[in-house]
Each structure stands twice: as structure tokens, then as C-alpha cells.
Amino acid sequence: MDIRTPAAIGIAVPVFAAGVLAVTGWVVGRAFRQAQPHNGLLDGRGVAAILGFVAVIVGGTIGLAFALRGAGVHYPATWACLAGGLQIVVRSGASILPR
């Protein structure tokens, strides 16, 4: 998105969307196969934890992008999104890896 050419946006958006859908489908599919339903599975604390996780990752990514832009780094949004994506993988990797 940092390049801002129609070709780059036209390629990046569908690839990103397809990647998100594929990874989400894979994770959800594995979760459903291994899930054991429980009435208290997702209570208020679970919802708050998920929303907090998303808020920290999104807020951190946006803040990093602005900081990198202010520092004159080339492609600040790309680097910030890479860092945010790595945080998601590192922090949620333990819950999706096989045991």
C-alpha cells in the first residue's frame, strides 16, 4: 500500500484477502475438529481478552507505522504490518500449534 500504484493495490488487496481467508479457514477448521463444547467456553473475560488482543495489535501497528513515517523510513505501513503480523503469529502460535 505504500507504493500507491493501481497495479500494486490491485494485486495486494486480493492476495491479502485470500491469505486471510485461507488462514482463518485453516485455523477454524482445526479448532472445530478438536473442539470439545463447554458452556463456559467463552465468557466475558474471554471476549475482553480477544478484544484487548486485537486492540493492542492494531494500535501498536498503527502507532509503529506513524513512528516509522515520522522517522522517514521507506514503506512504513508495510514494515508496521509485518511487525503486527509477526506479533499475531508469535502470541497466538501456541494456541494453534499441535500438541
C-alpha atoms as a PDB file:
ATOM      1  CA  MET A   1       0.000   0.000   0.000  1.00  0.00           C
ATOM      2  CA  ASP A   2       2.974   2.296   0.450  1.00  0.00           C
ATOM      3  CA  ILE A   3       3.660   2.343  -3.284  1.00  0.00           C
ATOM      4  CA  ARG A   4       0.099   3.554  -4.054  1.00  0.00           C
ATOM      5  CA  THR A   5       0.043   2.470  -7.675  1.00  0.00           C
ATOM      6  CA  PRO A   6      -3.156   0.936  -9.050  1.00  0.00           C
ATOM      7  CA  ALA A   7      -1.311  -2.245 -10.045  1.00  0.00           C
ATOM      8  CA  ALA A   8       0.210  -2.715  -6.589  1.00  0.00           C
ATOM      9  CA  ILE A   9      -3.110  -2.136  -4.842  1.00  0.00           C
ATOM     10  CA  GLY A  10      -4.938  -4.331  -7.371  1.00  0.00           C
ATOM     11  CA  ILE A  11      -2.560  -7.203  -6.630  1.00  0.00           C
ATOM     12  CA  ALA A  12      -2.019  -6.684  -2.898  1.00  0.00           C
ATOM     13  CA  VAL A  13      -5.669  -6.434  -1.833  1.00  0.00           C
ATOM     14  CA  PRO A  14      -6.884  -9.731  -3.377  1.00  0.00           C
ATOM     15  CA  VAL A  15      -3.748 -11.599  -2.274  1.00  0.00           C
ATOM     16  CA  PHE A  16      -4.148 -10.271   1.277  1.00  0.00           C
ATOM     17  CA  ALA A  17      -7.863 -11.125   1.365  1.00  0.00           C
ATOM     18  CA  ALA A  18      -7.249 -14.629   0.008  1.00  0.00           C
ATOM     19  CA  GLY A  19      -4.455 -15.171   2.534  1.00  0.00           C
ATOM     20  CA  VAL A  20      -6.585 -14.037   5.468  1.00  0.00           C
ATOM     21  CA  LEU A  21      -9.482 -16.237   4.340  1.00  0.00           C
ATOM     22  CA  ALA A  22      -7.231 -19.261   3.834  1.00  0.00           C
ATOM     23  CA  VAL A  23      -5.502 -18.960   7.209  1.00  0.00           C
ATOM     24  CA  THR A  24      -8.772 -18.267   9.004  1.00  0.00           C
ATOM     25  CA  GLY A  25     -10.408 -21.283   7.355  1.00  0.00           C
ATOM     26  CA  TRP A  26      -7.474 -23.480   8.304  1.00  0.00           C
ATOM     27  CA  VAL A  27      -7.450 -22.353  11.947  1.00  0.00           C
ATOM     28  CA  VAL A  28     -11.233 -22.541  12.346  1.00  0.00           C
ATOM     29  CA  GLY A  29     -11.356 -25.934  10.645  1.00  0.00           C
ATOM     30  CA  ARG A  30      -8.737 -27.343  13.010  1.00  0.00           C
ATOM     31  CA  ALA A  31     -10.468 -25.799  16.007  1.00  0.00           C
ATOM     32  CA  PHE A  32     -13.829 -27.325  15.103  1.00  0.00           C
ATOM     33  CA  ARG A  33     -12.313 -30.763  14.624  1.00  0.00           C
ATOM     34  CA  GLN A  34     -10.604 -30.634  18.021  1.00  0.00           C
ATOM     35  CA  ALA A  35     -13.187 -28.619  19.955  1.00  0.00           C
ATOM     36  CA  GLN A  36     -14.982 -30.028  22.951  1.00  0.00           C
ATOM     37  CA  PRO A  37     -18.052 -27.869  23.570  1.00  0.00           C
ATOM     38  CA  HIS A  38     -18.377 -26.372  27.027  1.00  0.00           C
ATOM     39  CA  ASN A  39     -20.978 -23.939  28.311  1.00  0.00           C
ATOM     40  CA  GLY A  40     -18.442 -21.574  29.866  1.00  0.00           C
ATOM     41  CA  LEU A  41     -16.040 -21.687  26.940  1.00  0.00           C
ATOM     42  CA  LEU A  42     -16.249 -18.007  26.093  1.00  0.00           C
ATOM     43  CA  ASP A  43     -17.403 -15.817  28.939  1.00  0.00           C
ATOM     44  CA  GLY A  44     -16.994 -12.079  29.419  1.00  0.00           C
ATOM     45  CA  ARG A  45     -13.319 -12.423  30.299  1.00  0.00           C
ATOM     46  CA  GLY A  46     -12.646 -14.349  27.090  1.00  0.00           C
ATOM     47  CA  VAL A  47     -14.390 -11.723  24.981  1.00  0.00           C
ATOM     48  CA  ALA A  48     -12.464  -8.951  26.752  1.00  0.00           C
ATOM     49  CA  ALA A  49      -9.183 -10.815  26.196  1.00  0.00           C
ATOM     50  CA  ILE A  50      -9.863 -11.213  22.477  1.00  0.00           C
ATOM     51  CA  LEU A  51     -10.890  -7.585  22.043  1.00  0.00           C
ATOM     52  CA  GLY A  52      -7.887  -6.433  24.072  1.00  0.00           C
ATOM     53  CA  PHE A  53      -5.546  -8.559  21.951  1.00  0.00           C
ATOM     54  CA  VAL A  54      -6.943  -7.073  18.755  1.00  0.00           C
ATOM     55  CA  ALA A  55      -6.780  -3.533  20.156  1.00  0.00           C
ATOM     56  CA  VAL A  56      -3.139  -3.909  21.221  1.00  0.00           C
ATOM     57  CA  ILE A  57      -2.054  -5.376  17.878  1.00  0.00           C
ATOM     58  CA  VAL A  58      -3.972  -2.834  15.766  1.00  0.00           C
ATOM     59  CA  GLY A  59      -2.996   0.121  17.965  1.00  0.00           C
ATOM     60  CA  GLY A  60       0.634  -0.962  18.039  1.00  0.00           C
ATOM     61  CA  THR A  61       0.729  -1.448  14.282  1.00  0.00           C
ATOM     62  CA  ILE A  62      -0.791   1.967  13.595  1.00  0.00           C
ATOM     63  CA  GLY A  63       1.484   3.651  16.123  1.00  0.00           C
ATOM     64  CA  LEU A  64       4.549   1.965  14.665  1.00  0.00           C
ATOM     65  CA  ALA A  65       3.533   2.978  11.129  1.00  0.00           C
ATOM     66  CA  PHE A  66       3.237   6.629  12.151  1.00  0.00           C
ATOM     67  CA  ALA A  67       6.546   6.494  14.021  1.00  0.00           C
ATOM     68  CA  LEU A  68       8.302   4.939  11.045  1.00  0.00           C
ATOM     69  CA  ARG A  69       6.764   7.511   8.710  1.00  0.00           C
ATOM     70  CA  GLY A  70       7.930  10.313  11.014  1.00  0.00           C
ATOM     71  CA  ALA A  71      11.416   8.816  11.028  1.00  0.00           C
ATOM     72  CA  GLY A  72      11.489   8.861   7.235  1.00  0.00           C
ATOM     73  CA  VAL A  73      11.576   5.078   6.808  1.00  0.00           C
ATOM     74  CA  HIS A  74      10.599   3.863   3.344  1.00  0.00           C
ATOM     75  CA  TYR A  75       7.345   1.811   3.241  1.00  0.00           C
ATOM     76  CA  PRO A  76       6.323   2.447   6.862  1.00  0.00           C
ATOM     77  CA  ALA A  77       2.921   0.738   6.584  1.00  0.00           C
ATOM     78  CA  THR A  78       4.491  -2.383   5.116  1.00  0.00           C
ATOM     79  CA  TRP A  79       7.059  -2.669   7.910  1.00  0.00           C
ATOM     80  CA  ALA A  80       4.476  -1.945  10.594  1.00  0.00           C
ATOM     81  CA  CYS A  81       2.065  -4.554   9.214  1.00  0.00           C
ATOM     82  CA  LEU A  82       4.888  -7.068   9.065  1.00  0.00           C
ATOM     83  CA  ALA A  83       5.669  -6.403  12.730  1.00  0.00           C
ATOM     84  CA  GLY A  84       1.973  -6.643  13.660  1.00  0.00           C
ATOM     85  CA  GLY A  85       1.575  -9.891  11.740  1.00  0.00           C
ATOM     86  CA  LEU A  86       4.616 -11.380  13.425  1.00  0.00           C
ATOM     87  CA  GLN A  87       3.173 -10.429  16.810  1.00  0.00           C
ATOM     88  CA  ILE A  88      -0.052 -12.238  15.972  1.00  0.00           C
ATOM     89  CA  VAL A  89       1.865 -15.348  14.914  1.00  0.00           C
ATOM     90  CA  VAL A  90       4.119 -15.312  17.978  1.00  0.00           C
ATOM     91  CA  ARG A  91       1.401 -14.556  20.522  1.00  0.00           C
ATOM     92  CA  SER A  92      -1.284 -16.859  19.146  1.00  0.00           C
ATOM     93  CA  GLY A  93       1.013 -19.562  17.768  1.00  0.00           C
ATOM     94  CA  ALA A  94       0.925 -21.588  20.967  1.00  0.00           C
ATOM     95  CA  SER A  95      -2.840 -21.992  20.727  1.00  0.00           C
ATOM     96  CA  ILE A  96      -2.865 -23.298  17.135  1.00  0.00           C
ATOM     97  CA  LEU A  97       0.238 -25.495  17.145  1.00  0.00           C
ATOM     98  CA  PRO A  98      -0.334 -29.243  17.558  1.00  0.00           C
ATOM     99  CA  ARG A  99       0.482 -30.681  20.955  1.00  0.00           C
END
